[in-house]
């Protein structure tokens, strides 16, 4: 799901935490964070320059994937 988004580059994970890079030329981090969190998805940010455009999503249940899909569908790349 995340890899299909042109503005995300997720790192493969075996757990329920997924680290992904956000291409801020496509979607600004503030827009991404505000939108995803408004759907109740927990995000973790990193206060390091080399991780400033990365977030970690927490997906606990299968239905959380549906919530993330709905939230991602509302984002408008290029704004």
PDB file of N, CA and C in Angstrom:
ATOM      1  N   UNK A   1       0.827  -1.195   0.000  1.00  0.00           N
ATOM      2  CA  UNK A   1       0.000   0.000   0.000  1.00  0.00           C
ATOM      3  C   UNK A   1       0.873   1.262   0.000  1.00  0.00           C
ATOM      4  N   UNK A   2       1.843   1.312   0.897  1.00  0.00           N
ATOM      5  CA  UNK A   2       2.696   2.500   0.982  1.00  0.00           C
ATOM      6  C   UNK A   2       3.588   2.628  -0.246  1.00  0.00           C
ATOM      7  N   UNK A   3       4.126   1.524  -0.705  1.00  0.00           N
ATOM      8  CA  UNK A   3       5.040   1.557  -1.851  1.00  0.00           C
ATOM      9  C   UNK A   3       4.348   2.008  -3.132  1.00  0.00           C
ATOM     10  N   UNK A   4       3.030   1.880  -3.208  1.00  0.00           N
ATOM     11  CA  UNK A   4       2.297   2.321  -4.395  1.00  0.00           C
ATOM     12  C   UNK A   4       2.114   3.829  -4.446  1.00  0.00           C
ATOM     13  N   UNK A   5       2.406   4.510  -3.348  1.00  0.00           N
ATOM     14  CA  UNK A   5       2.264   5.969  -3.318  1.00  0.00           C
ATOM     15  C   UNK A   5       3.524   6.589  -3.913  1.00  0.00           C
ATOM     16  N   UNK A   6       3.386   7.469  -4.899  1.00  0.00           N
ATOM     17  CA  UNK A   6       4.579   8.038  -5.545  1.00  0.00           C
ATOM     18  C   UNK A   6       5.420   8.920  -4.631  1.00  0.00           C
ATOM     19  N   UNK A   7       4.858   9.352  -3.517  1.00  0.00           N
ATOM     20  CA  UNK A   7       5.560  10.253  -2.606  1.00  0.00           C
ATOM     21  C   UNK A   7       6.124   9.536  -1.377  1.00  0.00           C
ATOM     22  N   UNK A   8       5.996   8.205  -1.309  1.00  0.00           N
ATOM     23  CA  UNK A   8       6.517   7.444  -0.172  1.00  0.00           C
ATOM     24  C   UNK A   8       7.537   6.409  -0.613  1.00  0.00           C
ATOM     25  N   UNK A   9       8.520   6.176   0.249  1.00  0.00           N
ATOM     26  CA  UNK A   9       9.531   5.137   0.016  1.00  0.00           C
ATOM     27  C   UNK A   9       9.680   4.350   1.318  1.00  0.00           C
ATOM     28  N   UNK A  10       8.789   3.369   1.551  1.00  0.00           N
ATOM     29  CA  UNK A  10       8.843   2.612   2.804  1.00  0.00           C
ATOM     30  C   UNK A  10      10.036   1.662   2.862  1.00  0.00           C
ATOM     31  N   UNK A  11      10.547   1.494   4.073  1.00  0.00           N
ATOM     32  CA  UNK A  11      11.626   0.551   4.338  1.00  0.00           C
ATOM     33  C   UNK A  11      10.959  -0.783   4.708  1.00  0.00           C
ATOM     34  N   UNK A  12      11.364  -1.899   4.098  1.00  0.00           N
ATOM     35  CA  UNK A  12      10.748  -3.188   4.438  1.00  0.00           C
ATOM     36  C   UNK A  12      10.803  -3.457   5.947  1.00  0.00           C
ATOM     37  N   UNK A  13       9.710  -4.016   6.469  1.00  0.00           N
ATOM     38  CA  UNK A  13       9.595  -4.260   7.901  1.00  0.00           C
ATOM     39  C   UNK A  13       8.895  -5.598   8.143  1.00  0.00           C
ATOM     40  N   UNK A  14       9.280  -6.271   9.214  1.00  0.00           N
ATOM     41  CA  UNK A  14       8.625  -7.506   9.619  1.00  0.00           C
ATOM     42  C   UNK A  14       7.661  -7.269  10.784  1.00  0.00           C
ATOM     43  N   UNK A  15       7.620  -6.045  11.276  1.00  0.00           N
ATOM     44  CA  UNK A  15       6.782  -5.731  12.429  1.00  0.00           C
ATOM     45  C   UNK A  15       5.618  -4.838  12.061  1.00  0.00           C
ATOM     46  N   UNK A  16       4.974  -4.283  13.084  1.00  0.00           N
ATOM     47  CA  UNK A  16       3.847  -3.402  12.830  1.00  0.00           C
ATOM     48  C   UNK A  16       4.248  -1.925  12.797  1.00  0.00           C
ATOM     49  N   UNK A  17       5.541  -1.656  12.843  1.00  0.00           N
ATOM     50  CA  UNK A  17       6.063  -0.300  12.659  1.00  0.00           C
ATOM     51  C   UNK A  17       6.678  -0.238  11.275  1.00  0.00           C
ATOM     52  N   UNK A  18       6.279   0.760  10.502  1.00  0.00           N
ATOM     53  CA  UNK A  18       6.823   0.901   9.154  1.00  0.00           C
ATOM     54  C   UNK A  18       7.434   2.282   9.009  1.00  0.00           C
ATOM     55  N   UNK A  19       8.720   2.322   8.730  1.00  0.00           N
ATOM     56  CA  UNK A  19       9.430   3.571   8.494  1.00  0.00           C
ATOM     57  C   UNK A  19       9.340   3.892   7.011  1.00  0.00           C
ATOM     58  N   UNK A  20       8.954   5.122   6.701  1.00  0.00           N
ATOM     59  CA  UNK A  20       8.863   5.522   5.308  1.00  0.00           C
ATOM     60  C   UNK A  20       9.398   6.930   5.118  1.00  0.00           C
ATOM     61  N   UNK A  21      10.020   7.127   3.993  1.00  0.00           N
ATOM     62  CA  UNK A  21      10.499   8.447   3.613  1.00  0.00           C
ATOM     63  C   UNK A  21       9.381   9.139   2.850  1.00  0.00           C
ATOM     64  N   UNK A  22       9.205  10.433   3.115  1.00  0.00           N
ATOM     65  CA  UNK A  22       8.199  11.235   2.426  1.00  0.00           C
ATOM     66  C   UNK A  22       8.919  12.168   1.470  1.00  0.00           C
ATOM     67  N   UNK A  23       8.584  12.097   0.186  1.00  0.00           N
ATOM     68  CA  UNK A  23       9.165  12.981  -0.821  1.00  0.00           C
ATOM     69  C   UNK A  23       8.458  14.322  -0.717  1.00  0.00           C
ATOM     70  N   UNK A  24       9.111  15.273  -0.082  1.00  0.00           N
ATOM     71  CA  UNK A  24       8.483  16.567   0.175  1.00  0.00           C
ATOM     72  C   UNK A  24       8.326  17.431  -1.076  1.00  0.00           C
ATOM     73  N   UNK A  25       8.894  17.015  -2.168  1.00  0.00           N
ATOM     74  CA  UNK A  25       8.620  17.715  -3.422  1.00  0.00           C
ATOM     75  C   UNK A  25       7.229  17.342  -3.918  1.00  0.00           C
ATOM     76  N   UNK A  26       6.731  16.192  -3.477  1.00  0.00           N
ATOM     77  CA  UNK A  26       5.400  15.717  -3.864  1.00  0.00           C
ATOM     78  C   UNK A  26       4.332  16.076  -2.822  1.00  0.00           C
ATOM     79  N   UNK A  27       4.636  15.798  -1.561  1.00  0.00           N
ATOM     80  CA  UNK A  27       3.712  16.068  -0.451  1.00  0.00           C
ATOM     81  C   UNK A  27       4.529  16.625   0.708  1.00  0.00           C
ATOM     82  N   UNK A  28       4.177  17.790   1.167  1.00  0.00           N
ATOM     83  CA  UNK A  28       4.880  18.394   2.298  1.00  0.00           C
ATOM     84  C   UNK A  28       4.642  17.570   3.561  1.00  0.00           C
ATOM     85  N   UNK A  29       5.670  17.471   4.374  1.00  0.00           N
ATOM     86  CA  UNK A  29       5.598  16.676   5.594  1.00  0.00           C
ATOM     87  C   UNK A  29       4.438  17.140   6.482  1.00  0.00           C
ATOM     88  N   UNK A  30       4.253  18.433   6.606  1.00  0.00           N
ATOM     89  CA  UNK A  30       3.166  18.954   7.445  1.00  0.00           C
ATOM     90  C   UNK A  30       1.805  18.461   6.943  1.00  0.00           C
ATOM     91  N   UNK A  31       1.592  18.496   5.628  1.00  0.00           N
ATOM     92  CA  UNK A  31       0.338  18.012   5.054  1.00  0.00           C
ATOM     93  C   UNK A  31       0.184  16.511   5.318  1.00  0.00           C
ATOM     94  N   UNK A  32       1.258  15.767   5.121  1.00  0.00           N
ATOM     95  CA  UNK A  32       1.221  14.321   5.353  1.00  0.00           C
ATOM     96  C   UNK A  32       0.853  14.021   6.803  1.00  0.00           C
ATOM     97  N   UNK A  33       1.561  14.642   7.724  1.00  0.00           N
ATOM     98  CA  UNK A  33       1.343  14.390   9.143  1.00  0.00           C
ATOM     99  C   UNK A  33      -0.069  14.759   9.568  1.00  0.00           C
ATOM    100  N   UNK A  34      -0.510  15.950   9.193  1.00  0.00           N
ATOM    101  CA  UNK A  34      -1.840  16.420   9.583  1.00  0.00           C
ATOM    102  C   UNK A  34      -2.925  15.495   9.053  1.00  0.00           C
ATOM    103  N   UNK A  35      -2.811  15.119   7.797  1.00  0.00           N
ATOM    104  CA  UNK A  35      -3.828  14.263   7.176  1.00  0.00           C
ATOM    105  C   UNK A  35      -3.858  12.883   7.809  1.00  0.00           C
ATOM    106  N   UNK A  36      -2.712  12.239   7.892  1.00  0.00           N
ATOM    107  CA  UNK A  36      -2.671  10.879   8.416  1.00  0.00           C
ATOM    108  C   UNK A  36      -3.117  10.843   9.877  1.00  0.00           C
ATOM    109  N   UNK A  37      -2.646  11.776  10.680  1.00  0.00           N
ATOM    110  CA  UNK A  37      -3.023  11.792  12.098  1.00  0.00           C
ATOM    111  C   UNK A  37      -4.502  12.113  12.294  1.00  0.00           C
ATOM    112  N   UNK A  38      -5.100  12.876  11.379  1.00  0.00           N
ATOM    113  CA  UNK A  38      -6.527  13.195  11.509  1.00  0.00           C
ATOM    114  C   UNK A  38      -7.392  11.941  11.383  1.00  0.00           C
ATOM    115  N   UNK A  39      -6.843  10.874  10.834  1.00  0.00           N
ATOM    116  CA  UNK A  39      -7.542   9.593  10.725  1.00  0.00           C
ATOM    117  C   UNK A  39      -7.236   8.677  11.911  1.00  0.00           C
ATOM    118  N   UNK A  40      -6.487   9.179  12.880  1.00  0.00           N
ATOM    119  CA  UNK A  40      -6.202   8.403  14.081  1.00  0.00           C
ATOM    120  C   UNK A  40      -5.000   7.483  13.980  1.00  0.00           C
ATOM    121  N   UNK A  41      -4.206   7.633  12.937  1.00  0.00           N
ATOM    122  CA  UNK A  41      -3.019   6.804  12.761  1.00  0.00           C
ATOM    123  C   UNK A  41      -1.873   7.409  13.570  1.00  0.00           C
ATOM    124  N   UNK A  42      -1.193   6.558  14.341  1.00  0.00           N
ATOM    125  CA  UNK A  42      -0.071   7.036  15.141  1.00  0.00           C
ATOM    126  C   UNK A  42       1.187   7.145  14.274  1.00  0.00           C
ATOM    127  N   UNK A  43       1.821   8.311  14.336  1.00  0.00           N
ATOM    128  CA  UNK A  43       3.073   8.541  13.620  1.00  0.00           C
ATOM    129  C   UNK A  43       4.161   8.880  14.621  1.00  0.00           C
ATOM    130  N   UNK A  44       5.370   8.554  14.263  1.00  0.00           N
ATOM    131  CA  UNK A  44       6.545   8.927  15.062  1.00  0.00           C
ATOM    132  C   UNK A  44       7.465   9.713  14.163  1.00  0.00           C
ATOM    133  N   UNK A  45       7.938  10.844  14.668  1.00  0.00           N
ATOM    134  CA  UNK A  45       8.847  11.707  13.914  1.00  0.00           C
ATOM    135  C   UNK A  45      10.217  11.645  14.565  1.00  0.00           C
ATOM    136  N   UNK A  46      11.205  12.078  13.808  1.00  0.00           N
ATOM    137  CA  UNK A  46      12.579  11.998  14.292  1.00  0.00           C
ATOM    138  C   UNK A  46      13.233  13.367  14.192  1.00  0.00           C
ATOM    139  N   UNK A  47      13.832  13.791  15.291  1.00  0.00           N
ATOM    140  CA  UNK A  47      14.449  15.108  15.367  1.00  0.00           C
ATOM    141  C   UNK A  47      15.942  15.018  15.024  1.00  0.00           C
ATOM    142  N   UNK A  48      16.203  14.481  13.864  1.00  0.00           N
ATOM    143  CA  UNK A  48      17.563  14.356  13.347  1.00  0.00           C
ATOM    144  C   UNK A  48      17.536  14.830  11.901  1.00  0.00           C
ATOM    145  N   UNK A  49      18.503  15.630  11.492  1.00  0.00           N
ATOM    146  CA  UNK A  49      18.485  16.149  10.116  1.00  0.00           C
ATOM    147  C   UNK A  49      18.385  15.058   9.053  1.00  0.00           C
ATOM    148  N   UNK A  50      19.065  13.953   9.255  1.00  0.00           N
ATOM    149  CA  UNK A  50      19.075  12.890   8.243  1.00  0.00           C
ATOM    150  C   UNK A  50      17.778  12.075   8.233  1.00  0.00           C
ATOM    151  N   UNK A  51      16.916  12.287   9.224  1.00  0.00           N
ATOM    152  CA  UNK A  51      15.625  11.597   9.268  1.00  0.00           C
ATOM    153  C   UNK A  51      14.440  12.570   9.231  1.00  0.00           C
ATOM    154  N   UNK A  52      14.696  13.829   8.910  1.00  0.00           N
ATOM    155  CA  UNK A  52      13.639  14.842   8.979  1.00  0.00           C
ATOM    156  C   UNK A  52      12.480  14.579   8.020  1.00  0.00           C
ATOM    157  N   UNK A  53      12.714  13.852   6.948  1.00  0.00           N
ATOM    158  CA  UNK A  53      11.628  13.555   6.010  1.00  0.00           C
ATOM    159  C   UNK A  53      11.189  12.087   6.101  1.00  0.00           C
ATOM    160  N   UNK A  54      11.372  11.495   7.278  1.00  0.00           N
ATOM    161  CA  UNK A  54      10.919  10.130   7.549  1.00  0.00           C
ATOM    162  C   UNK A  54       9.874  10.153   8.655  1.00  0.00           C
ATOM    163  N   UNK A  55       8.925   9.245   8.579  1.00  0.00           N
ATOM    164  CA  UNK A  55       7.967   9.021   9.662  1.00  0.00           C
ATOM    165  C   UNK A  55       7.825   7.517   9.853  1.00  0.00           C
ATOM    166  N   UNK A  56       7.413   7.146  11.054  1.00  0.00           N
ATOM    167  CA  UNK A  56       7.134   5.743  11.328  1.00  0.00           C
ATOM    168  C   UNK A  56       5.645   5.610  11.615  1.00  0.00           C
ATOM    169  N   UNK A  57       4.985   4.769  10.846  1.00  0.00           N
ATOM    170  CA  UNK A  57       3.572   4.489  11.043  1.00  0.00           C
ATOM    171  C   UNK A  57       3.430   3.262  11.914  1.00  0.00           C
ATOM    172  N   UNK A  58       2.419   3.265  12.763  1.00  0.00           N
ATOM    173  CA  UNK A  58       2.118   2.115  13.595  1.00  0.00           C
ATOM    174  C   UNK A  58       0.817   1.506  13.106  1.00  0.00           C
ATOM    175  N   UNK A  59       0.864   0.241  12.726  1.00  0.00           N
ATOM    176  CA  UNK A  59      -0.310  -0.468  12.235  1.00  0.00           C
ATOM    177  C   UNK A  59      -0.501  -1.689  13.125  1.00  0.00           C
ATOM    178  N   UNK A  60      -1.517  -1.633  13.978  1.00  0.00           N
ATOM    179  CA  UNK A  60      -1.728  -2.708  14.945  1.00  0.00           C
ATOM    180  C   UNK A  60      -2.664  -3.802  14.466  1.00  0.00           C
ATOM    181  N   UNK A  61      -3.638  -3.441  13.651  1.00  0.00           N
ATOM    182  CA  UNK A  61      -4.636  -4.404  13.192  1.00  0.00           C
ATOM    183  C   UNK A  61      -4.826  -4.274  11.690  1.00  0.00           C
ATOM    184  N   UNK A  62      -5.396  -5.312  11.104  1.00  0.00           N
ATOM    185  CA  UNK A  62      -5.632  -5.305   9.659  1.00  0.00           C
ATOM    186  C   UNK A  62      -6.515  -4.136   9.237  1.00  0.00           C
ATOM    187  N   UNK A  63      -7.500  -3.795  10.049  1.00  0.00           N
ATOM    188  CA  UNK A  63      -8.389  -2.685   9.676  1.00  0.00           C
ATOM    189  C   UNK A  63      -7.677  -1.329   9.686  1.00  0.00           C
ATOM    190  N   UNK A  64      -6.546  -1.239  10.381  1.00  0.00           N
ATOM    191  CA  UNK A  64      -5.773  -0.001  10.360  1.00  0.00           C
ATOM    192  C   UNK A  64      -5.223   0.267   8.957  1.00  0.00           C
ATOM    193  N   UNK A  65      -4.954  -0.785   8.217  1.00  0.00           N
ATOM    194  CA  UNK A  65      -4.483  -0.631   6.839  1.00  0.00           C
ATOM    195  C   UNK A  65      -5.554   0.070   6.003  1.00  0.00           C
ATOM    196  N   UNK A  66      -6.812  -0.272   6.229  1.00  0.00           N
ATOM    197  CA  UNK A  66      -7.905   0.385   5.514  1.00  0.00           C
ATOM    198  C   UNK A  66      -7.980   1.871   5.857  1.00  0.00           C
ATOM    199  N   UNK A  67      -7.750   2.199   7.111  1.00  0.00           N
ATOM    200  CA  UNK A  67      -7.764   3.598   7.547  1.00  0.00           C
ATOM    201  C   UNK A  67      -6.644   4.364   6.860  1.00  0.00           C
ATOM    202  N   UNK A  68      -5.464   3.774   6.822  1.00  0.00           N
ATOM    203  CA  UNK A  68      -4.334   4.425   6.160  1.00  0.00           C
ATOM    204  C   UNK A  68      -4.622   4.610   4.676  1.00  0.00           C
ATOM    205  N   UNK A  69      -5.218   3.633   4.045  1.00  0.00           N
ATOM    206  CA  UNK A  69      -5.564   3.741   2.621  1.00  0.00           C
ATOM    207  C   UNK A  69      -6.515   4.908   2.391  1.00  0.00           C
ATOM    208  N   UNK A  70      -7.511   5.055   3.252  1.00  0.00           N
ATOM    209  CA  UNK A  70      -8.449   6.186   3.110  1.00  0.00           C
ATOM    210  C   UNK A  70      -7.733   7.509   3.309  1.00  0.00           C
ATOM    211  N   UNK A  71      -6.863   7.583   4.299  1.00  0.00           N
ATOM    212  CA  UNK A  71      -6.133   8.832   4.557  1.00  0.00           C
ATOM    213  C   UNK A  71      -5.215   9.189   3.391  1.00  0.00           C
ATOM    214  N   UNK A  72      -4.490   8.203   2.871  1.00  0.00           N
ATOM    215  CA  UNK A  72      -3.579   8.454   1.749  1.00  0.00           C
ATOM    216  C   UNK A  72      -4.339   8.902   0.501  1.00  0.00           C
ATOM    217  N   UNK A  73      -5.541   8.400   0.331  1.00  0.00           N
ATOM    218  CA  UNK A  73      -6.343   8.768  -0.850  1.00  0.00           C
ATOM    219  C   UNK A  73      -6.734  10.241  -0.838  1.00  0.00           C
ATOM    220  N   UNK A  74      -6.711  10.862   0.331  1.00  0.00           N
ATOM    221  CA  UNK A  74      -7.099  12.273   0.406  1.00  0.00           C
ATOM    222  C   UNK A  74      -5.922  13.224   0.163  1.00  0.00           C
ATOM    223  N   UNK A  75      -4.719  12.704   0.175  1.00  0.00           N
ATOM    224  CA  UNK A  75      -3.538  13.545  -0.061  1.00  0.00           C
ATOM    225  C   UNK A  75      -3.433  13.903  -1.541  1.00  0.00           C
ATOM    226  N   UNK A  76      -3.023  15.126  -1.798  1.00  0.00           N
ATOM    227  CA  UNK A  76      -2.882  15.604  -3.169  1.00  0.00           C
ATOM    228  C   UNK A  76      -1.414  15.888  -3.455  1.00  0.00           C
ATOM    229  N   UNK A  77      -0.722  14.963  -4.130  1.00  0.00           N
ATOM    230  CA  UNK A  77       0.689  15.205  -4.469  1.00  0.00           C
ATOM    231  C   UNK A  77       0.862  16.454  -5.323  1.00  0.00           C
ATOM    232  N   UNK A  78       1.963  17.128  -5.130  1.00  0.00           N
ATOM    233  CA  UNK A  78       2.290  18.302  -5.933  1.00  0.00           C
ATOM    234  C   UNK A  78       1.839  19.607  -5.338  1.00  0.00           C
ATOM    235  N   UNK A  79       1.137  19.574  -4.195  1.00  0.00           N
ATOM    236  CA  UNK A  79       0.691  20.821  -3.579  1.00  0.00           C
ATOM    237  C   UNK A  79       1.667  21.295  -2.536  1.00  0.00           C
TER     238      UNK A  79
END
